[in-house]
Amino acid sequence: MHLTNPKSILAWIALVTLGLGPGASSYTVAALLGGCAILSVTIFCDYAIVFPTAPMVRFYRISRRWIEGTLAIFFGAPGVRLLFSRT
């Protein structure tokens, strides 16, 4: 899913570049990429297993308004600051 998003690709490239450093060996590169792949598969499989369950669906229905309101503030505040900045 993230492979088609250019922002995700560039963010991962930046993180991997910082994590590896200029003298990284082939083993380090393989370990980092393998670890990232295992983490990704594990996390997305967990999402697929956990989120469709009845308790999670019920929790989201109850909490939806609060979750979306919090995210609106979290993303809206920097947007408003950008709108009113003078740079």
PDB file of N, CA and C in Angstrom:
ATOM      1  N   MET A   1       0.828  -1.188   0.000  1.00  0.00           N
ATOM      2  CA  MET A   1       0.000   0.000   0.000  1.00  0.00           C
ATOM      3  C   MET A   1       0.874   1.255   0.000  1.00  0.00           C
ATOM      4  N   HIS A   2       1.918   1.253   0.793  1.00  0.00           N
ATOM      5  CA  HIS A   2       2.757   2.443   0.888  1.00  0.00           C
ATOM      6  C   HIS A   2       3.711   2.594  -0.296  1.00  0.00           C
ATOM      7  N   LEU A   3       3.898   1.542  -1.051  1.00  0.00           N
ATOM      8  CA  LEU A   3       4.835   1.615  -2.168  1.00  0.00           C
ATOM      9  C   LEU A   3       4.362   2.547  -3.270  1.00  0.00           C
ATOM     10  N   THR A   4       3.072   2.833  -3.355  1.00  0.00           N
ATOM     11  CA  THR A   4       2.570   3.734  -4.380  1.00  0.00           C
ATOM     12  C   THR A   4       2.509   5.184  -3.900  1.00  0.00           C
ATOM     13  N   ASN A   5       2.887   5.435  -2.664  1.00  0.00           N
ATOM     14  CA  ASN A   5       2.859   6.792  -2.114  1.00  0.00           C
ATOM     15  C   ASN A   5       4.281   7.368  -2.147  1.00  0.00           C
ATOM     16  N   PRO A   6       4.535   8.361  -3.002  1.00  0.00           N
ATOM     17  CA  PRO A   6       5.897   8.897  -3.110  1.00  0.00           C
ATOM     18  C   PRO A   6       6.418   9.515  -1.816  1.00  0.00           C
ATOM     19  N   LYS A   7       5.545  10.076  -0.995  1.00  0.00           N
ATOM     20  CA  LYS A   7       6.000  10.648   0.280  1.00  0.00           C
ATOM     21  C   LYS A   7       6.538   9.562   1.194  1.00  0.00           C
ATOM     22  N   SER A   8       5.872   8.431   1.228  1.00  0.00           N
ATOM     23  CA  SER A   8       6.349   7.325   2.057  1.00  0.00           C
ATOM     24  C   SER A   8       7.696   6.817   1.571  1.00  0.00           C
ATOM     25  N   ILE A   9       7.835   6.690   0.275  1.00  0.00           N
ATOM     26  CA  ILE A   9       9.100   6.211  -0.283  1.00  0.00           C
ATOM     27  C   ILE A   9      10.233   7.158   0.080  1.00  0.00           C
ATOM     28  N   LEU A  10      10.015   8.448  -0.105  1.00  0.00           N
ATOM     29  CA  LEU A  10      11.071   9.423   0.210  1.00  0.00           C
ATOM     30  C   LEU A  10      11.371   9.465   1.709  1.00  0.00           C
ATOM     31  N   ALA A  11      10.355   9.323   2.536  1.00  0.00           N
ATOM     32  CA  ALA A  11      10.584   9.316   3.986  1.00  0.00           C
ATOM     33  C   ALA A  11      11.406   8.092   4.386  1.00  0.00           C
ATOM     34  N   TRP A  12      11.099   6.926   3.820  1.00  0.00           N
ATOM     35  CA  TRP A  12      11.868   5.715   4.135  1.00  0.00           C
ATOM     36  C   TRP A  12      13.307   5.828   3.651  1.00  0.00           C
ATOM     37  N   ILE A  13      13.484   6.395   2.461  1.00  0.00           N
ATOM     38  CA  ILE A  13      14.851   6.589   1.951  1.00  0.00           C
ATOM     39  C   ILE A  13      15.636   7.487   2.898  1.00  0.00           C
ATOM     40  N   ALA A  14      15.015   8.555   3.369  1.00  0.00           N
ATOM     41  CA  ALA A  14      15.688   9.469   4.295  1.00  0.00           C
ATOM     42  C   ALA A  14      16.042   8.760   5.606  1.00  0.00           C
ATOM     43  N   LEU A  15      15.112   7.987   6.148  1.00  0.00           N
ATOM     44  CA  LEU A  15      15.371   7.279   7.403  1.00  0.00           C
ATOM     45  C   LEU A  15      16.457   6.222   7.248  1.00  0.00           C
ATOM     46  N   VAL A  16      16.404   5.488   6.163  1.00  0.00           N
ATOM     47  CA  VAL A  16      17.405   4.449   5.935  1.00  0.00           C
ATOM     48  C   VAL A  16      18.779   5.081   5.748  1.00  0.00           C
ATOM     49  N   THR A  17      18.835   6.198   5.035  1.00  0.00           N
ATOM     50  CA  THR A  17      20.102   6.892   4.841  1.00  0.00           C
ATOM     51  C   THR A  17      20.688   7.340   6.171  1.00  0.00           C
ATOM     52  N   LEU A  18      19.850   7.863   7.051  1.00  0.00           N
ATOM     53  CA  LEU A  18      20.317   8.273   8.374  1.00  0.00           C
ATOM     54  C   LEU A  18      20.755   7.075   9.211  1.00  0.00           C
ATOM     55  N   GLY A  19      20.020   5.997   9.109  1.00  0.00           N
ATOM     56  CA  GLY A  19      20.315   4.823   9.919  1.00  0.00           C
ATOM     57  C   GLY A  19      21.552   4.066   9.480  1.00  0.00           C
ATOM     58  N   LEU A  20      21.844   4.082   8.208  1.00  0.00           N
ATOM     59  CA  LEU A  20      22.963   3.296   7.714  1.00  0.00           C
ATOM     60  C   LEU A  20      24.305   4.003   7.839  1.00  0.00           C
ATOM     61  N   GLY A  21      24.373   5.232   7.455  1.00  0.00           N
ATOM     62  CA  GLY A  21      25.650   5.936   7.492  1.00  0.00           C
ATOM     63  C   GLY A  21      26.500   5.599   6.269  1.00  0.00           C
ATOM     64  N   PRO A  22      27.592   6.310   6.088  1.00  0.00           N
ATOM     65  CA  PRO A  22      28.383   6.153   4.860  1.00  0.00           C
ATOM     66  C   PRO A  22      29.158   4.838   4.764  1.00  0.00           C
ATOM     67  N   GLY A  23      29.535   4.220   5.858  1.00  0.00           N
ATOM     68  CA  GLY A  23      30.353   3.020   5.797  1.00  0.00           C
ATOM     69  C   GLY A  23      29.592   1.741   6.081  1.00  0.00           C
ATOM     70  N   ALA A  24      28.317   1.697   5.775  1.00  0.00           N
ATOM     71  CA  ALA A  24      27.492   0.536   6.101  1.00  0.00           C
ATOM     72  C   ALA A  24      27.861  -0.662   5.232  1.00  0.00           C
ATOM     73  N   SER A  25      27.899  -1.818   5.843  1.00  0.00           N
ATOM     74  CA  SER A  25      28.214  -3.038   5.100  1.00  0.00           C
ATOM     75  C   SER A  25      26.962  -3.605   4.443  1.00  0.00           C
ATOM     76  N   SER A  26      27.150  -4.561   3.552  1.00  0.00           N
ATOM     77  CA  SER A  26      26.021  -5.219   2.889  1.00  0.00           C
ATOM     78  C   SER A  26      25.143  -5.946   3.898  1.00  0.00           C
ATOM     79  N   TYR A  27      25.775  -6.524   4.928  1.00  0.00           N
ATOM     80  CA  TYR A  27      25.022  -7.213   5.971  1.00  0.00           C
ATOM     81  C   TYR A  27      24.099  -6.239   6.705  1.00  0.00           C
ATOM     82  N   THR A  28      24.592  -5.049   7.002  1.00  0.00           N
ATOM     83  CA  THR A  28      23.790  -4.048   7.710  1.00  0.00           C
ATOM     84  C   THR A  28      22.603  -3.614   6.864  1.00  0.00           C
ATOM     85  N   VAL A  29      22.841  -3.401   5.581  1.00  0.00           N
ATOM     86  CA  VAL A  29      21.747  -3.013   4.673  1.00  0.00           C
ATOM     87  C   VAL A  29      20.697  -4.125   4.624  1.00  0.00           C
ATOM     88  N   ALA A  30      21.145  -5.366   4.466  1.00  0.00           N
ATOM     89  CA  ALA A  30      20.211  -6.495   4.406  1.00  0.00           C
ATOM     90  C   ALA A  30      19.443  -6.647   5.716  1.00  0.00           C
ATOM     91  N   ALA A  31      20.119  -6.483   6.843  1.00  0.00           N
ATOM     92  CA  ALA A  31      19.458  -6.593   8.148  1.00  0.00           C
ATOM     93  C   ALA A  31      18.412  -5.496   8.322  1.00  0.00           C
ATOM     94  N   LEU A  32      18.741  -4.283   7.928  1.00  0.00           N
ATOM     95  CA  LEU A  32      17.804  -3.164   8.053  1.00  0.00           C
ATOM     96  C   LEU A  32      16.591  -3.379   7.156  1.00  0.00           C
ATOM     97  N   LEU A  33      16.811  -3.746   5.903  1.00  0.00           N
ATOM     98  CA  LEU A  33      15.694  -3.956   4.981  1.00  0.00           C
ATOM     99  C   LEU A  33      14.847  -5.156   5.400  1.00  0.00           C
ATOM    100  N   GLY A  34      15.496  -6.232   5.844  1.00  0.00           N
ATOM    101  CA  GLY A  34      14.752  -7.394   6.324  1.00  0.00           C
ATOM    102  C   GLY A  34      13.928  -7.072   7.558  1.00  0.00           C
ATOM    103  N   GLY A  35      14.523  -6.331   8.474  1.00  0.00           N
ATOM    104  CA  GLY A  35      13.796  -5.924   9.676  1.00  0.00           C
ATOM    105  C   GLY A  35      12.600  -5.055   9.350  1.00  0.00           C
ATOM    106  N   CYS A  36      12.777  -4.115   8.434  1.00  0.00           N
ATOM    107  CA  CYS A  36      11.660  -3.247   8.017  1.00  0.00           C
ATOM    108  C   CYS A  36      10.553  -4.071   7.363  1.00  0.00           C
ATOM    109  N   ALA A  37      10.933  -5.036   6.525  1.00  0.00           N
ATOM    110  CA  ALA A  37       9.936  -5.880   5.862  1.00  0.00           C
ATOM    111  C   ALA A  37       9.162  -6.712   6.875  1.00  0.00           C
ATOM    112  N   ILE A  38       9.866  -7.301   7.833  1.00  0.00           N
ATOM    113  CA  ILE A  38       9.197  -8.111   8.859  1.00  0.00           C
ATOM    114  C   ILE A  38       8.264  -7.255   9.708  1.00  0.00           C
ATOM    115  N   LEU A  39       8.730  -6.076  10.088  1.00  0.00           N
ATOM    116  CA  LEU A  39       7.879  -5.166  10.863  1.00  0.00           C
ATOM    117  C   LEU A  39       6.628  -4.784  10.090  1.00  0.00           C
ATOM    118  N   SER A  40       6.792  -4.440   8.823  1.00  0.00           N
ATOM    119  CA  SER A  40       5.654  -4.020   8.010  1.00  0.00           C
ATOM    120  C   SER A  40       4.623  -5.123   7.887  1.00  0.00           C
ATOM    121  N   VAL A  41       5.064  -6.321   7.546  1.00  0.00           N
ATOM    122  CA  VAL A  41       4.137  -7.441   7.391  1.00  0.00           C
ATOM    123  C   VAL A  41       3.436  -7.736   8.714  1.00  0.00           C
ATOM    124  N   THR A  42       4.184  -7.736   9.795  1.00  0.00           N
ATOM    125  CA  THR A  42       3.604  -8.017  11.108  1.00  0.00           C
ATOM    126  C   THR A  42       2.558  -6.973  11.490  1.00  0.00           C
ATOM    127  N   ILE A  43       2.889  -5.716  11.325  1.00  0.00           N
ATOM    128  CA  ILE A  43       1.965  -4.640  11.715  1.00  0.00           C
ATOM    129  C   ILE A  43       0.701  -4.669  10.876  1.00  0.00           C
ATOM    130  N   PHE A  44       0.834  -4.795   9.550  1.00  0.00           N
ATOM    131  CA  PHE A  44      -0.362  -4.767   8.705  1.00  0.00           C
ATOM    132  C   PHE A  44      -1.207  -6.026   8.862  1.00  0.00           C
ATOM    133  N   CYS A  45      -0.593  -7.176   9.125  1.00  0.00           N
ATOM    134  CA  CYS A  45      -1.373  -8.381   9.416  1.00  0.00           C
ATOM    135  C   CYS A  45      -2.119  -8.223  10.733  1.00  0.00           C
ATOM    136  N   ASP A  46      -1.461  -7.632  11.725  1.00  0.00           N
ATOM    137  CA  ASP A  46      -2.142  -7.368  13.002  1.00  0.00           C
ATOM    138  C   ASP A  46      -3.325  -6.427  12.810  1.00  0.00           C
ATOM    139  N   TYR A  47      -3.150  -5.385  12.001  1.00  0.00           N
ATOM    140  CA  TYR A  47      -4.279  -4.491  11.701  1.00  0.00           C
ATOM    141  C   TYR A  47      -5.430  -5.274  11.093  1.00  0.00           C
ATOM    142  N   ALA A  48      -5.121  -6.144  10.125  1.00  0.00           N
ATOM    143  CA  ALA A  48      -6.157  -6.904   9.431  1.00  0.00           C
ATOM    144  C   ALA A  48      -6.873  -7.874  10.361  1.00  0.00           C
ATOM    145  N   ILE A  49      -6.182  -8.352  11.372  1.00  0.00           N
ATOM    146  CA  ILE A  49      -6.789  -9.303  12.307  1.00  0.00           C
ATOM    147  C   ILE A  49      -7.567  -8.590  13.413  1.00  0.00           C
ATOM    148  N   VAL A  50      -7.013  -7.508  13.947  1.00  0.00           N
ATOM    149  CA  VAL A  50      -7.588  -6.866  15.132  1.00  0.00           C
ATOM    150  C   VAL A  50      -8.745  -5.917  14.806  1.00  0.00           C
ATOM    151  N   PHE A  51      -8.598  -5.080  13.789  1.00  0.00           N
ATOM    152  CA  PHE A  51      -9.582  -4.013  13.595  1.00  0.00           C
ATOM    153  C   PHE A  51     -10.960  -4.465  13.136  1.00  0.00           C
ATOM    154  N   PRO A  52     -11.118  -5.566  12.406  1.00  0.00           N
ATOM    155  CA  PRO A  52     -12.488  -5.990  12.050  1.00  0.00           C
ATOM    156  C   PRO A  52     -13.240  -6.705  13.174  1.00  0.00           C
ATOM    157  N   THR A  53     -12.633  -6.928  14.317  1.00  0.00           N
ATOM    158  CA  THR A  53     -13.316  -7.647  15.401  1.00  0.00           C
ATOM    159  C   THR A  53     -14.437  -6.799  15.994  1.00  0.00           C
ATOM    160  N   ALA A  54     -15.411  -7.472  16.551  1.00  0.00           N
ATOM    161  CA  ALA A  54     -16.581  -6.782  17.116  1.00  0.00           C
ATOM    162  C   ALA A  54     -16.212  -5.760  18.197  1.00  0.00           C
ATOM    163  N   PRO A  55     -15.299  -6.072  19.137  1.00  0.00           N
ATOM    164  CA  PRO A  55     -14.963  -5.062  20.147  1.00  0.00           C
ATOM    165  C   PRO A  55     -14.327  -3.801  19.544  1.00  0.00           C
ATOM    166  N   MET A  56     -13.480  -3.974  18.540  1.00  0.00           N
ATOM    167  CA  MET A  56     -12.843  -2.799  17.929  1.00  0.00           C
ATOM    168  C   MET A  56     -13.845  -1.975  17.128  1.00  0.00           C
ATOM    169  N   VAL A  57     -14.739  -2.647  16.422  1.00  0.00           N
ATOM    170  CA  VAL A  57     -15.774  -1.928  15.669  1.00  0.00           C
ATOM    171  C   VAL A  57     -16.654  -1.146  16.634  1.00  0.00           C
ATOM    172  N   ARG A  58     -17.034  -1.775  17.739  1.00  0.00           N
ATOM    173  CA  ARG A  58     -17.860  -1.111  18.756  1.00  0.00           C
ATOM    174  C   ARG A  58     -17.113   0.078  19.367  1.00  0.00           C
ATOM    175  N   PHE A  59     -15.824  -0.115  19.681  1.00  0.00           N
ATOM    176  CA  PHE A  59     -15.013   0.966  20.242  1.00  0.00           C
ATOM    177  C   PHE A  59     -14.931   2.139  19.271  1.00  0.00           C
ATOM    178  N   TYR A  60     -14.732   1.842  17.985  1.00  0.00           N
ATOM    179  CA  TYR A  60     -14.630   2.931  17.005  1.00  0.00           C
ATOM    180  C   TYR A  60     -15.953   3.673  16.860  1.00  0.00           C
ATOM    181  N   ARG A  61     -17.046   2.936  16.860  1.00  0.00           N
ATOM    182  CA  ARG A  61     -18.351   3.601  16.752  1.00  0.00           C
ATOM    183  C   ARG A  61     -18.587   4.550  17.922  1.00  0.00           C
ATOM    184  N   ILE A  62     -18.184   4.130  19.113  1.00  0.00           N
ATOM    185  CA  ILE A  62     -18.365   4.970  20.300  1.00  0.00           C
ATOM    186  C   ILE A  62     -17.393   6.149  20.276  1.00  0.00           C
ATOM    187  N   SER A  63     -16.175   5.920  19.841  1.00  0.00           N
ATOM    188  CA  SER A  63     -15.108   6.924  19.938  1.00  0.00           C
ATOM    189  C   SER A  63     -14.883   7.730  18.670  1.00  0.00           C
ATOM    190  N   ARG A  64     -15.614   7.441  17.612  1.00  0.00           N
ATOM    191  CA  ARG A  64     -15.346   8.068  16.317  1.00  0.00           C
ATOM    192  C   ARG A  64     -15.312   9.597  16.378  1.00  0.00           C
ATOM    193  N   ARG A  65     -16.284  10.176  17.008  1.00  0.00           N
ATOM    194  CA  ARG A  65     -16.364  11.644  17.066  1.00  0.00           C
ATOM    195  C   ARG A  65     -15.139  12.232  17.770  1.00  0.00           C
ATOM    196  N   TRP A  66     -14.703  11.602  18.873  1.00  0.00           N
ATOM    197  CA  TRP A  66     -13.540  12.094  19.611  1.00  0.00           C
ATOM    198  C   TRP A  66     -12.250  11.893  18.815  1.00  0.00           C
ATOM    199  N   ILE A  67     -12.124  10.751  18.164  1.00  0.00           N
ATOM    200  CA  ILE A  67     -10.932  10.469  17.358  1.00  0.00           C
ATOM    201  C   ILE A  67     -10.822  11.475  16.218  1.00  0.00           C
ATOM    202  N   GLU A  68     -11.898  11.670  15.476  1.00  0.00           N
ATOM    203  CA  GLU A  68     -11.867  12.594  14.347  1.00  0.00           C
ATOM    204  C   GLU A  68     -11.697  14.039  14.798  1.00  0.00           C
ATOM    205  N   GLY A  69     -12.283  14.400  15.934  1.00  0.00           N
ATOM    206  CA  GLY A  69     -12.107  15.761  16.458  1.00  0.00           C
ATOM    207  C   GLY A  69     -10.670  16.025  16.870  1.00  0.00           C
ATOM    208  N   THR A  70     -10.061  15.049  17.529  1.00  0.00           N
ATOM    209  CA  THR A  70      -8.663  15.190  17.941  1.00  0.00           C
ATOM    210  C   THR A  70      -7.755  15.313  16.732  1.00  0.00           C
ATOM    211  N   LEU A  71      -7.981  14.484  15.720  1.00  0.00           N
ATOM    212  CA  LEU A  71      -7.170  14.567  14.509  1.00  0.00           C
ATOM    213  C   LEU A  71      -7.396  15.884  13.766  1.00  0.00           C
ATOM    214  N   ALA A  72      -8.623  16.386  13.780  1.00  0.00           N
ATOM    215  CA  ALA A  72      -8.902  17.670  13.138  1.00  0.00           C
ATOM    216  C   ALA A  72      -8.108  18.793  13.801  1.00  0.00           C
ATOM    217  N   ILE A  73      -8.046  18.779  15.119  1.00  0.00           N
ATOM    218  CA  ILE A  73      -7.260  19.791  15.836  1.00  0.00           C
ATOM    219  C   ILE A  73      -5.776  19.601  15.558  1.00  0.00           C
ATOM    220  N   PHE A  74      -5.322  18.342  15.611  1.00  0.00           N
ATOM    221  CA  PHE A  74      -3.910  18.020  15.419  1.00  0.00           C
ATOM    222  C   PHE A  74      -3.415  18.473  14.045  1.00  0.00           C
ATOM    223  N   PHE A  75      -4.216  18.262  13.007  1.00  0.00           N
ATOM    224  CA  PHE A  75      -3.807  18.660  11.661  1.00  0.00           C
ATOM    225  C   PHE A  75      -4.281  20.071  11.303  1.00  0.00           C
ATOM    226  N   GLY A  76      -5.373  20.518  11.901  1.00  0.00           N
ATOM    227  CA  GLY A  76      -5.911  21.839  11.577  1.00  0.00           C
ATOM    228  C   GLY A  76      -5.094  22.984  12.148  1.00  0.00           C
ATOM    229  N   ALA A  77      -4.566  22.817  13.354  1.00  0.00           N
ATOM    230  CA  ALA A  77      -3.792  23.898  13.993  1.00  0.00           C
ATOM    231  C   ALA A  77      -2.569  24.287  13.157  1.00  0.00           C
ATOM    232  N   PRO A  78      -1.759  23.349  12.691  1.00  0.00           N
ATOM    233  CA  PRO A  78      -0.633  23.758  11.836  1.00  0.00           C
ATOM    234  C   PRO A  78      -1.104  24.372  10.518  1.00  0.00           C
ATOM    235  N   GLY A  79      -2.227  23.901  10.011  1.00  0.00           N
ATOM    236  CA  GLY A  79      -2.763  24.484   8.779  1.00  0.00           C
ATOM    237  C   GLY A  79      -3.155  25.939   8.962  1.00  0.00           C
ATOM    238  N   VAL A  80      -3.798  26.241  10.077  1.00  0.00           N
ATOM    239  CA  VAL A  80      -4.179  27.624  10.368  1.00  0.00           C
ATOM    240  C   VAL A  80      -2.929  28.487  10.544  1.00  0.00           C
ATOM    241  N   ARG A  81      -1.926  27.940  11.226  1.00  0.00           N
ATOM    242  CA  ARG A  81      -0.663  28.687  11.389  1.00  0.00           C
ATOM    243  C   ARG A  81      -0.030  28.988  10.034  1.00  0.00           C
ATOM    244  N   LEU A  82      -0.072  28.028   9.127  1.00  0.00           N
ATOM    245  CA  LEU A  82       0.471  28.261   7.780  1.00  0.00           C
ATOM    246  C   LEU A  82      -0.314  29.340   7.036  1.00  0.00           C
ATOM    247  N   LEU A  83      -1.650  29.311   7.189  1.00  0.00           N
ATOM    248  CA  LEU A  83      -2.478  30.298   6.513  1.00  0.00           C
ATOM    249  C   LEU A  83      -2.162  31.725   6.970  1.00  0.00           C
ATOM    250  N   PHE A  84      -1.871  31.892   8.234  1.00  0.00           N
ATOM    251  CA  PHE A  84      -1.641  33.221   8.777  1.00  0.00           C
ATOM    252  C   PHE A  84      -0.177  33.601   8.915  1.00  0.00           C
ATOM    253  N   SER A  85       0.713  32.748   8.466  1.00  0.00           N
ATOM    254  CA  SER A  85       2.142  33.098   8.525  1.00  0.00           C
ATOM    255  C   SER A  85       2.457  34.122   7.437  1.00  0.00           C
ATOM    256  N   ARG A  86       3.473  34.906   7.672  1.00  0.00           N
ATOM    257  CA  ARG A  86       3.816  35.989   6.737  1.00  0.00           C
ATOM    258  C   ARG A  86       5.092  35.719   5.971  1.00  0.00           C
ATOM    259  N   THR A  87       5.558  34.502   5.930  1.00  0.00           N
ATOM    260  CA  THR A  87       6.798  34.221   5.194  1.00  0.00           C
ATOM    261  C   THR A  87       6.544  33.877   3.769  1.00  0.00           C
TER     262      THR A  87
END
